[in-house]
Amino acid sequence: MKITVDVDCTPEEARAFLGLPDVRPMQEALMKQIQEQMTASLHAMEPEVMLKTWLPAGVQGMEQLQKMFWAQFAGGTRKERKE
């Protein structure tokens, strides 16, 4: 035997019928807080400030990487000449 029951109700009605809490106010409050934090973070990320923060470390890091490569290349050619 097969029994089919169709229930036509809104999500709010189903939540109330099953006794589940309404979390919409909490979600709205959290979304408002997240939006405020993101807006504040976006104002802090001006392109000029970001470049001043990232560029010196980026240039220094690139210089260190270049020195490491040159040291490896120089070491590799010395080994080949010794053989």
PDB file of N, CA and C in Angstrom:
ATOM      1  N   MET A   1       0.839  -1.158   0.000  1.00  0.00           N
ATOM      2  CA  MET A   1       0.000   0.000   0.000  1.00  0.00           C
ATOM      3  C   MET A   1       0.897   1.238   0.000  1.00  0.00           C
ATOM      4  N   LYS A   2       0.499   2.232  -0.760  1.00  0.00           N
ATOM      5  CA  LYS A   2       1.264   3.466  -0.872  1.00  0.00           C
ATOM      6  C   LYS A   2       0.345   4.638  -0.561  1.00  0.00           C
ATOM      7  N   ILE A   3       0.767   5.473   0.367  1.00  0.00           N
ATOM      8  CA  ILE A   3      -0.035   6.641   0.744  1.00  0.00           C
ATOM      9  C   ILE A   3       0.796   7.883   0.464  1.00  0.00           C
ATOM     10  N   THR A   4       0.191   8.846  -0.172  1.00  0.00           N
ATOM     11  CA  THR A   4       0.859  10.100  -0.487  1.00  0.00           C
ATOM     12  C   THR A   4       0.094  11.236   0.176  1.00  0.00           C
ATOM     13  N   VAL A   5       0.819  12.115   0.858  1.00  0.00           N
ATOM     14  CA  VAL A   5       0.210  13.270   1.506  1.00  0.00           C
ATOM     15  C   VAL A   5       0.895  14.514   0.969  1.00  0.00           C
ATOM     16  N   ASP A   6       0.131  15.410   0.412  1.00  0.00           N
ATOM     17  CA  ASP A   6       0.647  16.682  -0.074  1.00  0.00           C
ATOM     18  C   ASP A   6       0.270  17.767   0.920  1.00  0.00           C
ATOM     19  N   VAL A   7       1.273  18.528   1.374  1.00  0.00           N
ATOM     20  CA  VAL A   7       1.027  19.616   2.319  1.00  0.00           C
ATOM     21  C   VAL A   7       1.374  20.911   1.615  1.00  0.00           C
ATOM     22  N   ASP A   8       0.438  21.813   1.587  1.00  0.00           N
ATOM     23  CA  ASP A   8       0.648  23.099   0.931  1.00  0.00           C
ATOM     24  C   ASP A   8       0.715  24.169   2.013  1.00  0.00           C
ATOM     25  N   CYS A   9       1.956  24.585   2.341  1.00  0.00           N
ATOM     26  CA  CYS A   9       2.121  25.630   3.356  1.00  0.00           C
ATOM     27  C   CYS A   9       3.402  26.400   3.072  1.00  0.00           C
ATOM     28  N   THR A  10       3.505  27.542   3.682  1.00  0.00           N
ATOM     29  CA  THR A  10       4.705  28.361   3.524  1.00  0.00           C
ATOM     30  C   THR A  10       5.782  27.848   4.485  1.00  0.00           C
ATOM     31  N   PRO A  11       7.038  28.227   4.270  1.00  0.00           N
ATOM     32  CA  PRO A  11       8.088  27.824   5.210  1.00  0.00           C
ATOM     33  C   PRO A  11       7.819  28.307   6.639  1.00  0.00           C
ATOM     34  N   GLU A  12       7.245  29.499   6.782  1.00  0.00           N
ATOM     35  CA  GLU A  12       6.939  30.015   8.120  1.00  0.00           C
ATOM     36  C   GLU A  12       5.891  29.141   8.799  1.00  0.00           C
ATOM     37  N   GLU A  13       4.863  28.726   8.051  1.00  0.00           N
ATOM     38  CA  GLU A  13       3.823  27.864   8.616  1.00  0.00           C
ATOM     39  C   GLU A  13       4.397  26.502   8.999  1.00  0.00           C
ATOM     40  N   ALA A  14       5.253  25.939   8.173  1.00  0.00           N
ATOM     41  CA  ALA A  14       5.860  24.639   8.480  1.00  0.00           C
ATOM     42  C   ALA A  14       6.740  24.742   9.721  1.00  0.00           C
ATOM     43  N   ARG A  15       7.511  25.837   9.837  1.00  0.00           N
ATOM     44  CA  ARG A  15       8.374  26.034  11.001  1.00  0.00           C
ATOM     45  C   ARG A  15       7.535  26.133  12.273  1.00  0.00           C
ATOM     46  N   ALA A  16       6.444  26.893  12.214  1.00  0.00           N
ATOM     47  CA  ALA A  16       5.577  27.031  13.392  1.00  0.00           C
ATOM     48  C   ALA A  16       4.921  25.690  13.734  1.00  0.00           C
ATOM     49  N   PHE A  17       4.490  24.944  12.735  1.00  0.00           N
ATOM     50  CA  PHE A  17       3.837  23.658  12.971  1.00  0.00           C
ATOM     51  C   PHE A  17       4.791  22.658  13.622  1.00  0.00           C
ATOM     52  N   LEU A  18       6.060  22.678  13.182  1.00  0.00           N
ATOM     53  CA  LEU A  18       7.050  21.749  13.732  1.00  0.00           C
ATOM     54  C   LEU A  18       7.691  22.249  15.025  1.00  0.00           C
ATOM     55  N   GLY A  19       7.383  23.482  15.397  1.00  0.00           N
ATOM     56  CA  GLY A  19       7.911  24.027  16.650  1.00  0.00           C
ATOM     57  C   GLY A  19       9.350  24.505  16.548  1.00  0.00           C
ATOM     58  N   LEU A  20       9.801  24.802  15.353  1.00  0.00           N
ATOM     59  CA  LEU A  20      11.170  25.279  15.164  1.00  0.00           C
ATOM     60  C   LEU A  20      11.234  26.782  15.419  1.00  0.00           C
ATOM     61  N   PRO A  21      12.353  27.288  15.924  1.00  0.00           N
ATOM     62  CA  PRO A  21      12.451  28.724  16.209  1.00  0.00           C
ATOM     63  C   PRO A  21      12.590  29.541  14.922  1.00  0.00           C
ATOM     64  N   ASP A  22      12.137  30.784  15.009  1.00  0.00           N
ATOM     65  CA  ASP A  22      12.296  31.705  13.885  1.00  0.00           C
ATOM     66  C   ASP A  22      13.635  32.413  14.047  1.00  0.00           C
ATOM     67  N   VAL A  23      14.591  32.105  13.181  1.00  0.00           N
ATOM     68  CA  VAL A  23      15.944  32.655  13.292  1.00  0.00           C
ATOM     69  C   VAL A  23      16.151  33.872  12.384  1.00  0.00           C
ATOM     70  N   ARG A  24      15.101  34.334  11.745  1.00  0.00           N
ATOM     71  CA  ARG A  24      15.227  35.472  10.823  1.00  0.00           C
ATOM     72  C   ARG A  24      15.783  36.722  11.506  1.00  0.00           C
ATOM     73  N   PRO A  25      15.318  37.119  12.707  1.00  0.00           N
ATOM     74  CA  PRO A  25      15.899  38.316  13.346  1.00  0.00           C
ATOM     75  C   PRO A  25      17.406  38.175  13.605  1.00  0.00           C
ATOM     76  N   MET A  26      17.834  36.995  14.027  1.00  0.00           N
ATOM     77  CA  MET A  26      19.261  36.773  14.275  1.00  0.00           C
ATOM     78  C   MET A  26      20.049  36.859  12.963  1.00  0.00           C
ATOM     79  N   GLN A  27      19.525  36.260  11.896  1.00  0.00           N
ATOM     80  CA  GLN A  27      20.209  36.312  10.606  1.00  0.00           C
ATOM     81  C   GLN A  27      20.313  37.741  10.098  1.00  0.00           C
ATOM     82  N   GLU A  28      19.252  38.512  10.254  1.00  0.00           N
ATOM     83  CA  GLU A  28      19.281  39.907   9.805  1.00  0.00           C
ATOM     84  C   GLU A  28      20.299  40.720  10.597  1.00  0.00           C
ATOM     85  N   ALA A  29      20.361  40.506  11.902  1.00  0.00           N
ATOM     86  CA  ALA A  29      21.326  41.231  12.740  1.00  0.00           C
ATOM     87  C   ALA A  29      22.755  40.862  12.348  1.00  0.00           C
ATOM     88  N   LEU A  30      23.005  39.565  12.135  1.00  0.00           N
ATOM     89  CA  LEU A  30      24.350  39.137  11.740  1.00  0.00           C
ATOM     90  C   LEU A  30      24.736  39.678  10.372  1.00  0.00           C
ATOM     91  N   MET A  31      23.790  39.660   9.434  1.00  0.00           N
ATOM     92  CA  MET A  31      24.087  40.180   8.093  1.00  0.00           C
ATOM     93  C   MET A  31      24.384  41.683   8.143  1.00  0.00           C
ATOM     94  N   LYS A  32      23.662  42.415   8.999  1.00  0.00           N
ATOM     95  CA  LYS A  32      23.927  43.851   9.149  1.00  0.00           C
ATOM     96  C   LYS A  32      25.331  44.075   9.703  1.00  0.00           C
ATOM     97  N   GLN A  33      25.713  43.285  10.706  1.00  0.00           N
ATOM     98  CA  GLN A  33      27.047  43.404  11.301  1.00  0.00           C
ATOM     99  C   GLN A  33      28.125  43.058  10.281  1.00  0.00           C
ATOM    100  N   ILE A  34      27.932  42.002   9.516  1.00  0.00           N
ATOM    101  CA  ILE A  34      28.909  41.605   8.490  1.00  0.00           C
ATOM    102  C   ILE A  34      29.040  42.689   7.433  1.00  0.00           C
ATOM    103  N   GLN A  35      27.906  43.258   7.030  1.00  0.00           N
ATOM    104  CA  GLN A  35      27.934  44.318   6.019  1.00  0.00           C
ATOM    105  C   GLN A  35      28.700  45.538   6.536  1.00  0.00           C
ATOM    106  N   GLU A  36      28.499  45.909   7.800  1.00  0.00           N
ATOM    107  CA  GLU A  36      29.215  47.051   8.372  1.00  0.00           C
ATOM    108  C   GLU A  36      30.717  46.785   8.423  1.00  0.00           C
ATOM    109  N   GLN A  37      31.097  45.569   8.810  1.00  0.00           N
ATOM    110  CA  GLN A  37      32.522  45.224   8.868  1.00  0.00           C
ATOM    111  C   GLN A  37      33.148  45.240   7.478  1.00  0.00           C
ATOM    112  N   MET A  38      32.449  44.719   6.488  1.00  0.00           N
ATOM    113  CA  MET A  38      32.982  44.710   5.124  1.00  0.00           C
ATOM    114  C   MET A  38      33.118  46.127   4.583  1.00  0.00           C
ATOM    115  N   THR A  39      32.132  46.976   4.868  1.00  0.00           N
ATOM    116  CA  THR A  39      32.200  48.363   4.412  1.00  0.00           C
ATOM    117  C   THR A  39      33.390  49.077   5.049  1.00  0.00           C
ATOM    118  N   ALA A  40      33.606  48.861   6.341  1.00  0.00           N
ATOM    119  CA  ALA A  40      34.744  49.482   7.026  1.00  0.00           C
ATOM    120  C   ALA A  40      36.058  48.963   6.448  1.00  0.00           C
ATOM    121  N   SER A  41      36.126  47.693   6.149  1.00  0.00           N
ATOM    122  CA  SER A  41      37.346  47.117   5.584  1.00  0.00           C
ATOM    123  C   SER A  41      37.610  47.663   4.180  1.00  0.00           C
ATOM    124  N   LEU A  42      36.567  47.854   3.400  1.00  0.00           N
ATOM    125  CA  LEU A  42      36.752  48.387   2.049  1.00  0.00           C
ATOM    126  C   LEU A  42      37.257  49.817   2.082  1.00  0.00           C
ATOM    127  N   HIS A  43      36.796  50.605   3.044  1.00  0.00           N
ATOM    128  CA  HIS A  43      37.283  51.980   3.152  1.00  0.00           C
ATOM    129  C   HIS A  43      38.761  51.992   3.555  1.00  0.00           C
ATOM    130  N   ALA A  44      39.181  51.016   4.323  1.00  0.00           N
ATOM    131  CA  ALA A  44      40.579  50.949   4.748  1.00  0.00           C
ATOM    132  C   ALA A  44      41.491  50.476   3.629  1.00  0.00           C
ATOM    133  N   MET A  45      40.942  49.861   2.603  1.00  0.00           N
ATOM    134  CA  MET A  45      41.763  49.314   1.523  1.00  0.00           C
ATOM    135  C   MET A  45      41.811  50.261   0.326  1.00  0.00           C
ATOM    136  N   GLU A  46      42.385  51.405   0.524  1.00  0.00           N
ATOM    137  CA  GLU A  46      42.586  52.320  -0.590  1.00  0.00           C
ATOM    138  C   GLU A  46      43.791  51.840  -1.384  1.00  0.00           C
ATOM    139  N   PRO A  47      43.751  51.949  -2.706  1.00  0.00           N
ATOM    140  CA  PRO A  47      44.851  51.430  -3.524  1.00  0.00           C
ATOM    141  C   PRO A  47      46.224  51.975  -3.148  1.00  0.00           C
ATOM    142  N   GLU A  48      46.309  53.249  -2.825  1.00  0.00           N
ATOM    143  CA  GLU A  48      47.606  53.851  -2.486  1.00  0.00           C
ATOM    144  C   GLU A  48      48.181  53.241  -1.212  1.00  0.00           C
ATOM    145  N   VAL A  49      47.337  53.057  -0.202  1.00  0.00           N
ATOM    146  CA  VAL A  49      47.784  52.468   1.067  1.00  0.00           C
ATOM    147  C   VAL A  49      48.196  51.015   0.845  1.00  0.00           C
ATOM    148  N   MET A  50      47.425  50.286   0.040  1.00  0.00           N
ATOM    149  CA  MET A  50      47.751  48.887  -0.231  1.00  0.00           C
ATOM    150  C   MET A  50      49.096  48.764  -0.945  1.00  0.00           C
ATOM    151  N   LEU A  51      49.353  49.624  -1.912  1.00  0.00           N
ATOM    152  CA  LEU A  51      50.629  49.557  -2.636  1.00  0.00           C
ATOM    153  C   LEU A  51      51.800  49.879  -1.720  1.00  0.00           C
ATOM    154  N   LYS A  52      51.632  50.878  -0.857  1.00  0.00           N
ATOM    155  CA  LYS A  52      52.713  51.219   0.070  1.00  0.00           C
ATOM    156  C   LYS A  52      52.985  50.074   1.039  1.00  0.00           C
ATOM    157  N   THR A  53      51.930  49.348   1.401  1.00  0.00           N
ATOM    158  CA  THR A  53      52.089  48.235   2.325  1.00  0.00           C
ATOM    159  C   THR A  53      52.729  47.038   1.648  1.00  0.00           C
ATOM    160  N   TRP A  54      52.285  46.713   0.440  1.00  0.00           N
ATOM    161  CA  TRP A  54      52.713  45.486  -0.236  1.00  0.00           C
ATOM    162  C   TRP A  54      53.990  45.654  -1.041  1.00  0.00           C
ATOM    163  N   LEU A  55      54.182  46.787  -1.668  1.00  0.00           N
ATOM    164  CA  LEU A  55      55.282  46.954  -2.620  1.00  0.00           C
ATOM    165  C   LEU A  55      56.662  46.811  -1.994  1.00  0.00           C
ATOM    166  N   PRO A  56      56.962  47.457  -0.871  1.00  0.00           N
ATOM    167  CA  PRO A  56      58.309  47.287  -0.329  1.00  0.00           C
ATOM    168  C   PRO A  56      58.626  45.825  -0.009  1.00  0.00           C
ATOM    169  N   ALA A  57      57.704  45.127   0.596  1.00  0.00           N
ATOM    170  CA  ALA A  57      57.942  43.716   0.903  1.00  0.00           C
ATOM    171  C   ALA A  57      58.044  42.910  -0.382  1.00  0.00           C
ATOM    172  N   GLY A  58      57.246  43.267  -1.375  1.00  0.00           N
ATOM    173  CA  GLY A  58      57.284  42.551  -2.650  1.00  0.00           C
ATOM    174  C   GLY A  58      58.602  42.751  -3.365  1.00  0.00           C
ATOM    175  N   VAL A  59      59.103  43.976  -3.389  1.00  0.00           N
ATOM    176  CA  VAL A  59      60.376  44.263  -4.052  1.00  0.00           C
ATOM    177  C   VAL A  59      61.517  43.586  -3.304  1.00  0.00           C
ATOM    178  N   GLN A  60      61.509  43.662  -1.997  1.00  0.00           N
ATOM    179  CA  GLN A  60      62.561  43.034  -1.200  1.00  0.00           C
ATOM    180  C   GLN A  60      62.523  41.522  -1.391  1.00  0.00           C
ATOM    181  N   GLY A  61      61.345  40.948  -1.396  1.00  0.00           N
ATOM    182  CA  GLY A  61      61.210  39.510  -1.608  1.00  0.00           C
ATOM    183  C   GLY A  61      61.711  39.099  -2.975  1.00  0.00           C
ATOM    184  N   MET A  62      61.427  39.923  -3.990  1.00  0.00           N
ATOM    185  CA  MET A  62      61.895  39.617  -5.349  1.00  0.00           C
ATOM    186  C   MET A  62      63.416  39.713  -5.417  1.00  0.00           C
ATOM    187  N   GLU A  63      63.983  40.685  -4.738  1.00  0.00           N
ATOM    188  CA  GLU A  63      65.441  40.812  -4.725  1.00  0.00           C
ATOM    189  C   GLU A  63      66.085  39.604  -4.063  1.00  0.00           C
ATOM    190  N   GLN A  64      65.515  39.146  -2.950  1.00  0.00           N
ATOM    191  CA  GLN A  64      66.046  37.962  -2.274  1.00  0.00           C
ATOM    192  C   GLN A  64      65.937  36.729  -3.163  1.00  0.00           C
ATOM    193  N   LEU A  65      64.822  36.595  -3.866  1.00  0.00           N
ATOM    194  CA  LEU A  65      64.634  35.464  -4.760  1.00  0.00           C
ATOM    195  C   LEU A  65      65.654  35.514  -5.899  1.00  0.00           C
ATOM    196  N   GLN A  66      65.879  36.709  -6.430  1.00  0.00           N
ATOM    197  CA  GLN A  66      66.847  36.866  -7.508  1.00  0.00           C
ATOM    198  C   GLN A  66      68.261  36.522  -7.023  1.00  0.00           C
ATOM    199  N   LYS A  67      68.623  36.961  -5.830  1.00  0.00           N
ATOM    200  CA  LYS A  67      69.947  36.644  -5.287  1.00  0.00           C
ATOM    201  C   LYS A  67      70.101  35.140  -5.089  1.00  0.00           C
ATOM    202  N   MET A  68      69.028  34.487  -4.627  1.00  0.00           N
ATOM    203  CA  MET A  68      69.078  33.045  -4.424  1.00  0.00           C
ATOM    204  C   MET A  68      69.277  32.325  -5.756  1.00  0.00           C
ATOM    205  N   PHE A  69      68.551  32.760  -6.800  1.00  0.00           N
ATOM    206  CA  PHE A  69      68.715  32.143  -8.115  1.00  0.00           C
ATOM    207  C   PHE A  69      70.140  32.336  -8.642  1.00  0.00           C
ATOM    208  N   TRP A  70      70.677  33.541  -8.499  1.00  0.00           N
ATOM    209  CA  TRP A  70      72.034  33.793  -8.992  1.00  0.00           C
ATOM    210  C   TRP A  70      73.048  32.942  -8.240  1.00  0.00           C
ATOM    211  N   ALA A  71      72.821  32.790  -6.937  1.00  0.00           N
ATOM    212  CA  ALA A  71      73.731  31.955  -6.143  1.00  0.00           C
ATOM    213  C   ALA A  71      73.655  30.507  -6.607  1.00  0.00           C
ATOM    214  N   GLN A  72      72.461  30.024  -6.912  1.00  0.00           N
ATOM    215  CA  GLN A  72      72.304  28.652  -7.393  1.00  0.00           C
ATOM    216  C   GLN A  72      72.945  28.487  -8.768  1.00  0.00           C
ATOM    217  N   PHE A  73      72.735  29.460  -9.651  1.00  0.00           N
ATOM    218  CA  PHE A  73      73.332  29.383 -10.984  1.00  0.00           C
ATOM    219  C   PHE A  73      74.852  29.416 -10.908  1.00  0.00           C
ATOM    220  N   ALA A  74      75.376  30.303 -10.054  1.00  0.00           N
ATOM    221  CA  ALA A  74      76.827  30.405  -9.911  1.00  0.00           C
ATOM    222  C   ALA A  74      77.393  29.118  -9.323  1.00  0.00           C
ATOM    223  N   GLY A  75      76.702  28.542  -8.354  1.00  0.00           N
ATOM    224  CA  GLY A  75      77.148  27.285  -7.754  1.00  0.00           C
ATOM    225  C   GLY A  75      77.078  26.148  -8.755  1.00  0.00           C
ATOM    226  N   GLY A  76      76.078  26.135  -9.604  1.00  0.00           N
ATOM    227  CA  GLY A  76      75.926  25.084 -10.608  1.00  0.00           C
ATOM    228  C   GLY A  76      77.002  25.138 -11.669  1.00  0.00           C
ATOM    229  N   THR A  77      77.393  26.335 -12.088  1.00  0.00           N
ATOM    230  CA  THR A  77      78.435  26.450 -13.110  1.00  0.00           C
ATOM    231  C   THR A  77      79.798  26.091 -12.533  1.00  0.00           C
ATOM    232  N   ARG A  78      80.028  26.353 -11.262  1.00  0.00           N
ATOM    233  CA  ARG A  78      81.311  25.988 -10.643  1.00  0.00           C
ATOM    234  C   ARG A  78      81.464  24.475 -10.589  1.00  0.00           C
ATOM    235  N   LYS A  79      80.401  23.771 -10.272  1.00  0.00           N
ATOM    236  CA  LYS A  79      80.461  22.325 -10.210  1.00  0.00           C
ATOM    237  C   LYS A  79      80.749  21.723 -11.575  1.00  0.00           C
ATOM    238  N   GLU A  80      80.144  22.302 -12.622  1.00  0.00           N
ATOM    239  CA  GLU A  80      80.363  21.787 -13.972  1.00  0.00           C
ATOM    240  C   GLU A  80      81.805  22.024 -14.418  1.00  0.00           C
ATOM    241  N   ARG A  81      82.395  23.147 -14.047  1.00  0.00           N
ATOM    242  CA  ARG A  81      83.762  23.444 -14.447  1.00  0.00           C
ATOM    243  C   ARG A  81      84.757  22.558 -13.741  1.00  0.00           C
ATOM    244  N   LYS A  82      84.457  22.153 -12.495  1.00  0.00           N
ATOM    245  CA  LYS A  82      85.382  21.297 -11.735  1.00  0.00           C
ATOM    246  C   LYS A  82      85.457  19.908 -12.345  1.00  0.00           C
ATOM    247  N   GLU A  83      84.406  19.422 -12.932  1.00  0.00           N
ATOM    248  CA  GLU A  83      84.391  18.071 -13.487  1.00  0.00           C
ATOM    249  C   GLU A  83      85.106  18.017 -14.778  1.00  0.00           C
TER     250      GLU A  83
END
